[in-house]
C-alpha cells in the first residue's frame, strides 16, 4: 500500500526540540593505560566543582565532550537550507521530517538521522546546523555537513559545502568559542571532543556514466581516484588535529550499488550494482590504512571506524531479520523499487509514491535511511563490537576522558581518606 502525492508548499514549523540536556558520563574504557599514575597531573587539567564533605573538600570535574559533524546528506541536518543550491540537494519540504519533527527540518529522512541518535546517546542536545541564522550555541558541538558534498572540490561544485570549506567553518567556530570561554578552556574542550565524518559516497557516485541504454563507470584509475578522496580526507583530519582535535570517528562508505537509486540502473533493480560498490570497498581498505598511519604519526590521535559497508549490507540482504518488510526499495519515490529520486515532488517530477509506514523500510527515499534504520545504525556505531567498529566503538571514544575523570575521582577520594 502506498499513497500517491503531489508536491505542495511546506508549512513552517517550530524549532527542533532538544532530546536531552547535557551531562557527563562516567564509564570504564579499554583505552585506559597507566591512568592512575597520571591522575595527579590530570587533576590540574580539569575545571572542578568543590563539594564540601565531612572529611575534606573533593574536586569533581564538570566537563563534557562535544560533537562536531562533517560530511554529506547522511549527516546534513539543515545546512543546505541556507545556501544557494537546488532542491535536488535539499530536504526542506514534505514528506521529509513527518515521522518525528512533523515539519521538514532539512534532514534527508522521515525523522532523525544517525548523528541525532549519536548526540542523544552522548547525552548532548540536538546539534544545530552551522549555517542556522539564529546565532546557535556551539558549546556542545555543531553540524557542518552538506547534502551532496564530497571530499573532492569538484563533487557537486557550486551547489554544496565541500569538505575543505566545512573545516574552515570549524576553525571559525573555534574562534567563537575562544571569545566565549577563553583560550585554555577551548583547547581542553577541543581535545576531549569527537569529530565524526561521513565522506566519500558522493565522490564515487560521480563515477557513474549513465546513458539511455547503458550504465558504466568512467574509465579512470579507480585506485588513484580513491587516493585523491582519501588524501583530501587526510588533509581535513590533520587540519582539525592542528586546531586541537584528537578523537575522530568515521563511517566507511556503504554498498553504494545497493541504494534504490543506483540498483535500478542495472538489471531493473533485481540485484545491487556491484561495480560501484567495489570502488567503495577500495575506499574502505585505504581508509583503514590511513587511520592506522595517522595513529603512528600524530601523538594522541584516537579513532573509531564503523564498517557501514557491512552493517548496511546485512540489513539490505536480510531485512526481515531486522524488522523491515523490504531492504531493496524505498518508502518514498517513484518507479521500480521507488528508486527514482522524486520524493517530495520538488525535484522536477511532481508525482511520487509514499508508503504508509516508513518504519517498514530501510530506505526512506531512494538514497537515505529511514528514522528507524538510522537509530539501528547509531546504536551499532555506539555500542557495536569489534566486528563493526575498529579499534573501538564511538561510545568508548567518547568515554576516554570520562574514564580518566572516574579514576581521577577515585584516586583523590582514596588519597584523602588515607591521608
Protein backbone atom coordinates (compact mmCIF):
# COMPACT_ATOMS: atom_id res chain seq x y z
CA UNK A 1 0.00 0.00 0.00
CA UNK A 2 1.17 3.48 -0.77
CA UNK A 3 -0.13 7.00 -1.11
CA UNK A 4 0.35 8.91 -4.32
CA UNK A 5 1.23 12.51 -3.63
CA UNK A 6 1.96 15.75 -5.36
CA UNK A 7 4.30 18.43 -4.10
CA UNK A 8 2.76 21.27 -2.10
CA UNK A 9 4.28 24.23 -0.27
CA UNK A 10 5.66 23.13 3.14
CA UNK A 11 4.29 24.54 6.35
CA UNK A 12 6.63 26.35 8.68
CA UNK A 13 7.21 24.62 11.98
CA UNK A 14 8.66 25.37 15.34
CA UNK A 15 12.32 24.91 16.15
CA UNK A 16 13.67 21.41 16.66
CA UNK A 17 13.11 20.05 20.18
CA UNK A 18 16.01 19.01 22.33
CA UNK A 19 16.25 15.34 23.15
CA UNK A 20 18.40 15.70 26.25
CA UNK A 21 20.25 18.28 28.26
CA UNK A 22 23.97 17.72 28.54
CA UNK A 23 25.65 15.78 31.28
CA UNK A 24 28.95 13.98 31.64
CA UNK A 25 29.02 10.23 31.71
CA UNK A 26 31.23 8.03 33.83
CA UNK A 27 32.22 4.67 32.36
CA UNK A 28 35.20 2.36 32.11
CA UNK A 29 37.13 2.20 28.83
CA UNK A 30 39.61 -0.16 27.18
CA UNK A 31 41.73 2.87 26.28
CA UNK A 32 42.87 3.24 29.90
CA UNK A 33 46.59 2.67 30.23
CA UNK A 34 48.59 3.96 33.16
CA UNK A 35 45.67 6.22 34.07
CA UNK A 36 46.16 6.06 37.81
CA UNK A 37 49.81 7.05 37.58
CA UNK A 38 48.82 10.15 35.60
CA UNK A 39 45.92 11.14 37.82
CA UNK A 40 47.63 13.85 39.83
CA UNK A 41 48.81 15.60 36.68
CA UNK A 42 45.36 15.36 35.12
CA UNK A 43 43.72 16.87 38.18
CA UNK A 44 45.12 20.25 37.22
CA UNK A 45 43.91 19.90 33.62
CA UNK A 46 40.22 19.97 34.50
CA UNK A 47 37.95 22.66 35.90
CA UNK A 48 36.32 21.39 39.08
CA UNK A 49 33.36 21.69 41.34
CA UNK A 50 34.17 21.99 45.03
CA UNK A 51 31.87 19.84 47.12
CA UNK A 52 32.06 20.01 50.92
CA UNK A 53 32.15 16.64 52.65
CA UNK A 54 32.57 15.54 56.26
CA UNK A 55 36.23 14.73 55.66
CA UNK A 56 37.57 17.23 53.15
CA UNK A 57 36.93 19.25 50.04
CA UNK A 58 36.89 16.96 46.99
CA UNK A 59 37.35 18.14 43.41
CA UNK A 60 34.82 16.80 40.91
CA UNK A 61 35.28 17.60 37.22
CA UNK A 62 32.40 19.21 35.37
CA UNK A 63 33.16 18.53 31.71
CA UNK A 64 31.57 17.19 28.56
CA UNK A 65 32.80 16.04 25.17
CA UNK A 66 31.32 17.98 22.27
CA UNK A 67 30.48 16.50 18.87
CA UNK A 68 31.46 18.08 15.55
CA UNK A 69 29.98 16.63 12.37
CA UNK A 70 31.38 16.67 8.82
CA UNK A 71 30.07 15.07 5.67
CA UNK A 72 27.16 14.77 3.29
CA UNK A 73 23.39 14.20 3.27
CA UNK A 74 23.66 11.25 5.67
CA UNK A 75 24.64 13.86 8.30
CA UNK A 76 23.27 17.19 7.00
CA UNK A 77 20.57 18.47 9.36
CA UNK A 78 19.72 21.66 7.52
CA UNK A 79 22.83 23.49 6.29
CA UNK A 80 21.66 23.23 2.69
CA UNK A 81 18.52 25.17 3.67
CA UNK A 82 20.71 28.27 3.84
CA UNK A 83 22.86 28.05 0.71
CA UNK A 84 22.17 28.93 -2.91
CA UNK A 85 21.52 25.49 -4.33
CA UNK A 86 18.75 23.46 -5.98
CA UNK A 87 16.02 21.32 -4.41
CA UNK A 88 17.98 18.26 -5.57
CA UNK A 89 20.34 18.95 -2.66
CA UNK A 90 17.69 19.95 -0.13
CA UNK A 91 15.12 18.20 2.05
CA UNK A 92 13.22 21.18 3.45
CA UNK A 93 9.82 20.15 2.09
CA UNK A 94 7.30 17.39 2.93
CA UNK A 95 7.24 14.46 3.42
CA UNK A 96 10.74 14.81 4.92
CA UNK A 97 10.52 15.12 8.69
CA UNK A 98 6.95 13.85 9.04
CA UNK A 99 7.66 10.98 11.44
CA UNK A 100 9.16 12.93 14.34
CA UNK A 101 9.53 16.65 13.77
CA UNK A 102 6.21 17.00 11.94
CA UNK A 103 7.86 19.54 9.65
CA UNK A 104 10.74 19.39 7.13
CA UNK A 105 13.84 20.43 9.07
CA UNK A 106 16.26 19.83 6.19
CA UNK A 107 17.19 16.29 7.22
CA UNK A 108 17.13 13.73 4.41
CA UNK A 109 14.89 11.40 6.41
CA UNK A 110 11.34 10.97 7.64
CA UNK A 111 12.70 11.81 11.12
CA UNK A 112 16.12 11.77 12.72
CA UNK A 113 19.44 10.86 11.22
CA UNK A 114 22.42 8.94 12.58
CA UNK A 115 24.11 11.98 14.23
CA UNK A 116 20.89 12.89 16.07
CA UNK A 117 20.86 9.50 17.77
CA UNK A 118 24.60 9.67 18.46
CA UNK A 119 24.12 13.04 20.17
CA UNK A 120 21.33 11.57 22.29
CA UNK A 121 23.49 8.61 23.29
CA UNK A 122 26.30 11.01 24.21
CA UNK A 123 23.85 12.96 26.41
CA UNK A 124 24.12 16.01 24.15
CA UNK A 125 21.32 18.18 22.75
CA UNK A 126 20.38 18.07 19.09
CA UNK A 127 23.23 19.90 17.40
CA UNK A 128 22.48 22.96 15.26
CA UNK A 129 23.45 23.27 11.59
CA UNK A 130 26.37 25.67 11.36
CA UNK A 131 24.56 28.00 8.96
CA UNK A 132 21.42 28.33 11.09
CA UNK A 133 20.73 32.09 11.29
CA UNK A 134 19.56 32.01 14.92
CA UNK A 135 23.03 32.50 16.49
CA UNK A 136 23.17 28.92 17.84
CA UNK A 137 25.25 27.77 20.80
CA UNK A 138 28.30 25.79 19.65
CA UNK A 139 29.41 24.72 23.12
CA UNK A 140 28.17 21.16 22.69
CA UNK A 141 29.17 20.91 19.04
CA UNK A 142 27.78 21.77 15.64
CA UNK A 143 26.94 20.15 12.30
CA UNK A 144 28.89 21.28 9.22
CA UNK A 145 27.64 18.55 6.84
CA UNK A 146 26.15 19.41 3.46
CA UNK A 147 23.96 17.14 1.34
CA UNK A 148 25.63 16.20 -1.94
CA UNK A 149 29.14 17.12 -0.83
CA UNK A 150 32.27 15.04 -1.02
CA UNK A 151 35.96 15.13 -0.22
CA UNK A 152 36.72 16.49 -3.68
CA UNK A 153 36.07 20.13 -4.58
CA UNK A 154 34.66 19.03 -7.94
CA UNK A 155 31.84 16.97 -6.37
CA UNK A 156 28.63 18.99 -6.94
CA UNK A 157 30.83 22.08 -7.01
CA UNK A 158 28.87 25.30 -6.58
CA UNK A 159 25.84 23.56 -5.08
CA UNK A 160 27.17 22.24 -1.77
CA UNK A 161 29.59 22.96 1.07
CA UNK A 162 32.69 20.92 0.29
CA UNK A 163 34.81 19.28 2.99
CA UNK A 164 37.55 21.91 2.82
CA UNK A 165 35.00 24.66 3.48
CA UNK A 166 33.44 22.64 6.32
CA UNK A 167 36.85 22.57 8.02
CA UNK A 168 37.17 26.34 7.51
CA UNK A 169 33.82 26.74 9.27
CA UNK A 170 35.15 24.64 12.16
CA UNK A 171 38.10 27.00 12.53
CA UNK A 172 35.66 29.88 12.74
CA UNK A 173 33.73 28.05 15.47
CA UNK A 174 36.96 27.71 17.42
CA UNK A 175 37.39 31.50 17.29
CA UNK A 176 33.82 31.99 18.50
CA UNK A 177 34.34 29.55 21.37
CA UNK A 178 37.63 31.17 22.32
CA UNK A 179 35.87 34.51 22.71
CA UNK A 180 33.16 32.86 24.79
CA UNK A 181 35.11 30.57 27.14
CA UNK A 182 38.75 31.59 26.79
CA UNK A 183 41.91 30.10 25.27
CA UNK A 184 42.69 27.50 27.93
CA UNK A 185 39.17 26.12 28.16
CA UNK A 186 38.62 25.95 24.38
CA UNK A 187 41.85 23.97 23.93
CA UNK A 188 40.75 21.48 26.60
CA UNK A 189 37.26 21.26 25.06
CA UNK A 190 38.55 20.53 21.56
CA UNK A 191 40.91 17.83 22.82
CA UNK A 192 38.17 15.87 24.54
CA UNK A 193 35.59 16.37 21.76
CA UNK A 194 34.79 13.93 18.95
CA UNK A 195 34.96 14.75 15.22
CA UNK A 196 32.65 12.47 13.25
CA UNK A 197 32.93 12.07 9.44
CA UNK A 198 30.86 10.52 6.66
CA UNK A 199 32.67 11.33 3.43
CA UNK A 200 33.22 9.70 0.03
CA UNK A 201 29.93 8.29 -1.22
CA UNK A 202 29.08 11.25 -3.45
CA UNK A 203 32.60 11.36 -4.88
CA UNK A 204 32.20 7.78 -6.09
CA UNK A 205 28.63 8.25 -7.35
CA UNK A 206 30.15 10.82 -9.68
CA UNK A 207 31.96 7.99 -11.46
CA UNK A 208 28.68 6.68 -12.88
CA UNK A 209 28.19 7.31 -16.58
CA UNK A 210 24.52 6.80 -17.37
CA UNK A 211 23.11 6.89 -20.92
CA UNK A 212 19.67 5.94 -22.21
CA UNK A 213 20.62 2.32 -22.70
CA UNK A 214 23.67 1.62 -20.55
CA UNK A 215 25.33 2.46 -17.28
CA UNK A 216 29.03 2.05 -16.62
CA UNK A 217 31.81 3.58 -14.59
CA UNK A 218 34.04 6.25 -16.09
CA UNK A 219 37.24 4.72 -17.49
CA UNK A 220 39.67 6.04 -14.89
CA UNK A 221 42.17 4.52 -12.50
CA UNK A 222 39.94 3.63 -9.52
CA UNK A 223 42.80 3.22 -7.06
CA UNK A 224 44.18 6.62 -7.96
CA UNK A 225 40.75 8.25 -7.69
CA UNK A 226 40.22 6.71 -4.23
CA UNK A 227 43.67 8.00 -3.32
CA UNK A 228 42.54 11.55 -4.13
CA UNK A 229 39.47 11.18 -1.92
CA UNK A 230 41.46 9.70 0.99
CA UNK A 231 44.12 12.35 0.53
CA UNK A 232 41.63 15.20 0.93
CA UNK A 233 40.06 13.50 3.94
CA UNK A 234 43.52 13.07 5.49
CA UNK A 235 44.26 16.76 5.00
CA UNK A 236 40.98 17.67 6.74
CA UNK A 237 41.83 15.44 9.71
CA UNK A 238 45.30 16.93 10.03
CA UNK A 239 43.90 20.46 9.94
CA UNK A 240 41.49 19.65 12.75
CA UNK A 241 44.30 17.92 14.68
CA UNK A 242 46.38 21.09 14.39
CA UNK A 243 43.44 23.02 15.85
CA UNK A 244 43.39 20.69 18.87
CA UNK A 245 41.21 17.74 17.80
CA UNK A 246 42.35 14.30 18.97
CA UNK A 247 39.36 11.92 18.74
CA UNK A 248 37.92 11.06 15.32
CA UNK A 249 35.01 8.86 14.27
CA UNK A 250 34.33 7.64 10.73
CA UNK A 251 31.68 5.80 8.77
CA UNK A 252 33.30 3.97 5.93
CA UNK A 253 31.46 4.03 2.60
CA UNK A 254 28.46 1.71 2.37
CA UNK A 255 27.47 -0.58 -0.51
CA UNK A 256 26.56 2.29 -2.84
CA UNK A 257 25.26 -0.06 -5.52
CA UNK A 258 22.54 -1.34 -3.20
CA UNK A 259 20.78 2.00 -2.70
CA UNK A 260 17.46 2.04 -4.60
CA UNK A 261 18.55 4.96 -6.80
CA UNK A 262 21.57 3.07 -8.14
CA UNK A 263 20.41 -0.54 -8.14
CA UNK A 264 17.61 0.34 -10.60
CA UNK A 265 20.24 1.39 -13.14
CA UNK A 266 21.18 -2.24 -13.77
CA UNK A 267 19.03 -5.35 -14.30
CA UNK A 268 15.96 -3.29 -13.43
CA UNK A 269 17.00 -3.31 -9.79
CA UNK A 270 16.93 -7.08 -9.28
CA UNK A 271 20.48 -7.03 -7.88
CA UNK A 272 22.89 -4.49 -6.44
CA UNK A 273 25.21 -2.70 -8.86
CA UNK A 274 28.43 -4.26 -7.63
CA UNK A 275 30.85 -2.35 -9.89
CA UNK A 276 30.27 0.88 -7.95
CA UNK A 277 30.21 -0.93 -4.59
CA UNK A 278 33.64 -2.33 -5.47
CA UNK A 279 35.00 1.21 -5.50
CA UNK A 280 33.54 1.71 -2.03
CA UNK A 281 35.45 -1.37 -0.88
CA UNK A 282 38.69 0.12 -2.24
CA UNK A 283 37.94 3.28 -0.28
CA UNK A 284 37.36 1.34 2.92
CA UNK A 285 40.67 -0.50 2.61
CA UNK A 286 42.54 2.77 2.13
CA UNK A 287 40.61 4.42 5.00
CA UNK A 288 41.74 1.67 7.38
CA UNK A 289 45.36 2.08 6.27
CA UNK A 290 45.15 5.85 6.59
CA UNK A 291 43.81 5.82 10.16
CA UNK A 292 46.48 3.33 11.25
CA UNK A 293 49.14 5.55 9.70
CA UNK A 294 47.81 8.66 11.45
CA UNK A 295 47.75 6.76 14.74
CA UNK A 296 51.51 6.34 14.39
CA UNK A 297 52.20 9.85 13.11
CA UNK A 298 50.02 12.03 15.35
CA UNK A 299 50.56 11.99 19.09
CA UNK A 300 47.30 11.39 20.96
CA UNK A 301 45.31 10.57 17.80
CA UNK A 302 42.43 8.19 18.61
CA UNK A 303 39.76 6.93 16.25
CA UNK A 304 36.82 4.66 15.60
CA UNK A 305 35.85 3.39 12.14
CA UNK A 306 32.38 1.91 11.78
CA UNK A 307 32.06 -0.65 8.97
CA UNK A 308 28.94 0.82 7.41
CA UNK A 309 29.51 -1.35 4.34
CA UNK A 310 28.94 -4.50 6.42
CA UNK A 311 26.17 -3.17 8.65
CA UNK A 312 24.07 -1.78 5.78
CA UNK A 313 24.71 -4.86 3.61
CA UNK A 314 23.36 -7.14 6.33
CA UNK A 315 20.16 -5.13 6.75
CA UNK A 316 19.57 -4.86 3.00
CA UNK A 317 20.20 -8.59 2.47
CA UNK A 318 18.15 -9.84 5.44
CA UNK A 319 15.57 -7.10 6.10
CA UNK A 320 13.04 -9.27 7.93
CA UNK A 321 15.70 -10.27 10.47
CA UNK A 322 15.92 -6.60 11.47
CA UNK A 323 12.20 -5.85 11.42
CA UNK A 324 11.75 -4.49 7.89
CA UNK A 325 9.41 -5.63 5.15
CA UNK A 326 11.87 -4.68 2.45
CA UNK A 327 15.52 -3.76 2.10
CA UNK A 328 15.74 -3.15 -1.62
CA UNK A 329 13.18 -0.42 -2.17
CA UNK A 330 12.40 2.96 -0.67
CA UNK A 331 9.37 4.30 1.16
CA UNK A 332 9.28 7.49 -0.91
CA UNK A 333 9.98 7.89 -4.62
CA UNK A 334 8.74 6.54 -7.91
CA UNK A 335 9.49 3.86 -10.47
CA UNK A 336 10.89 0.38 -9.71
CA UNK A 337 11.74 -0.01 -6.03
CA UNK A 338 10.78 3.68 -5.74
CA UNK A 339 14.36 4.22 -6.77
CA UNK A 340 13.76 7.37 -8.79
CA UNK A 341 14.76 10.37 -6.69
CA UNK A 342 11.40 12.16 -6.77
CA UNK A 343 10.43 12.14 -3.08
CA UNK A 344 8.57 15.33 -2.23
CA UNK A 345 7.67 16.12 -5.84
CA UNK A 346 10.12 19.01 -5.81
CA UNK A 347 12.93 17.62 -7.95
CA UNK A 348 11.46 18.16 -11.41
CA UNK A 349 8.73 15.50 -11.23
CA UNK A 350 5.59 16.37 -9.26
CA UNK A 351 4.13 12.94 -8.62
CA UNK A 352 5.69 10.41 -6.28
CA UNK A 353 4.68 7.48 -4.11
CA UNK A 354 4.79 7.41 -0.32
CA UNK A 355 4.45 4.27 1.77
CA UNK A 356 2.06 4.04 4.71
CA UNK A 357 4.74 3.29 7.31
CA UNK A 358 8.38 4.38 6.83
CA UNK A 359 9.41 2.01 9.64
CA UNK A 360 8.82 -0.88 7.25
CA UNK A 361 11.71 0.26 5.08
CA UNK A 362 15.48 0.51 5.42
CA UNK A 363 15.47 3.47 2.99
CA UNK A 364 13.14 6.41 3.35
CA UNK A 365 13.90 7.92 -0.04
CA UNK A 366 15.98 6.42 -2.84
CA UNK A 367 19.28 7.38 -1.18
CA UNK A 368 18.83 7.77 2.59
CA UNK A 369 17.92 5.52 5.54
CA UNK A 370 14.68 5.89 7.46
CA UNK A 371 14.46 7.14 11.05
CA UNK A 372 14.18 3.56 12.29
CA UNK A 373 17.21 2.43 10.29
CA UNK A 374 19.25 5.42 11.46
CA UNK A 375 18.50 4.52 15.06
CA UNK A 376 19.68 0.94 14.49
CA UNK A 377 22.91 2.07 12.81
CA UNK A 378 23.57 4.66 15.53
CA UNK A 379 23.22 2.03 18.26
CA UNK A 380 25.64 -0.20 16.36
CA UNK A 381 28.12 2.65 15.92
CA UNK A 382 27.81 3.49 19.62
CA UNK A 383 27.81 0.05 21.23
CA UNK A 384 28.78 -2.41 18.50
CA UNK A 385 31.66 -4.85 18.90
CA UNK A 386 34.92 -5.22 17.01
CA UNK A 387 33.14 -6.81 14.03
CA UNK A 388 31.61 -3.42 13.22
CA UNK A 389 33.89 -0.88 14.93
CA UNK A 390 37.67 -0.78 14.87
CA UNK A 391 39.62 -0.40 17.05
CA UNK A 392 36.74 0.63 19.34
CA UNK A 393 33.17 1.86 19.17
CA UNK A 394 32.16 5.50 19.40
CA UNK A 395 30.98 5.15 22.99
CA UNK A 396 34.47 4.11 24.04
CA UNK A 397 35.92 7.04 22.11
CA UNK A 398 33.63 9.46 23.93
CA UNK A 399 34.27 7.87 27.30
CA UNK A 400 38.07 8.01 27.15
CA UNK A 401 38.23 11.26 29.08
CA UNK A 402 35.25 10.35 31.23
CA UNK A 403 37.09 7.21 32.29
CA UNK A 404 40.15 9.24 33.21
CA UNK A 405 37.85 11.52 35.22
CA UNK A 406 36.36 8.50 37.00
CA UNK A 407 39.75 7.10 38.03
CA UNK A 408 40.96 10.56 38.96
CA UNK A 409 37.94 10.98 41.23
CA UNK A 410 38.52 7.59 42.88
CA UNK A 411 42.22 8.34 43.28
CA UNK A 412 41.56 11.66 45.01
CA UNK A 413 38.96 10.16 47.35
CA UNK A 414 41.26 7.31 48.34
CA UNK A 415 44.22 9.67 48.79
CA UNK A 416 42.24 11.99 51.05
CA UNK A 417 40.77 9.14 53.08
CA UNK A 418 44.18 7.53 53.58
CA UNK A 419 45.70 10.88 54.49
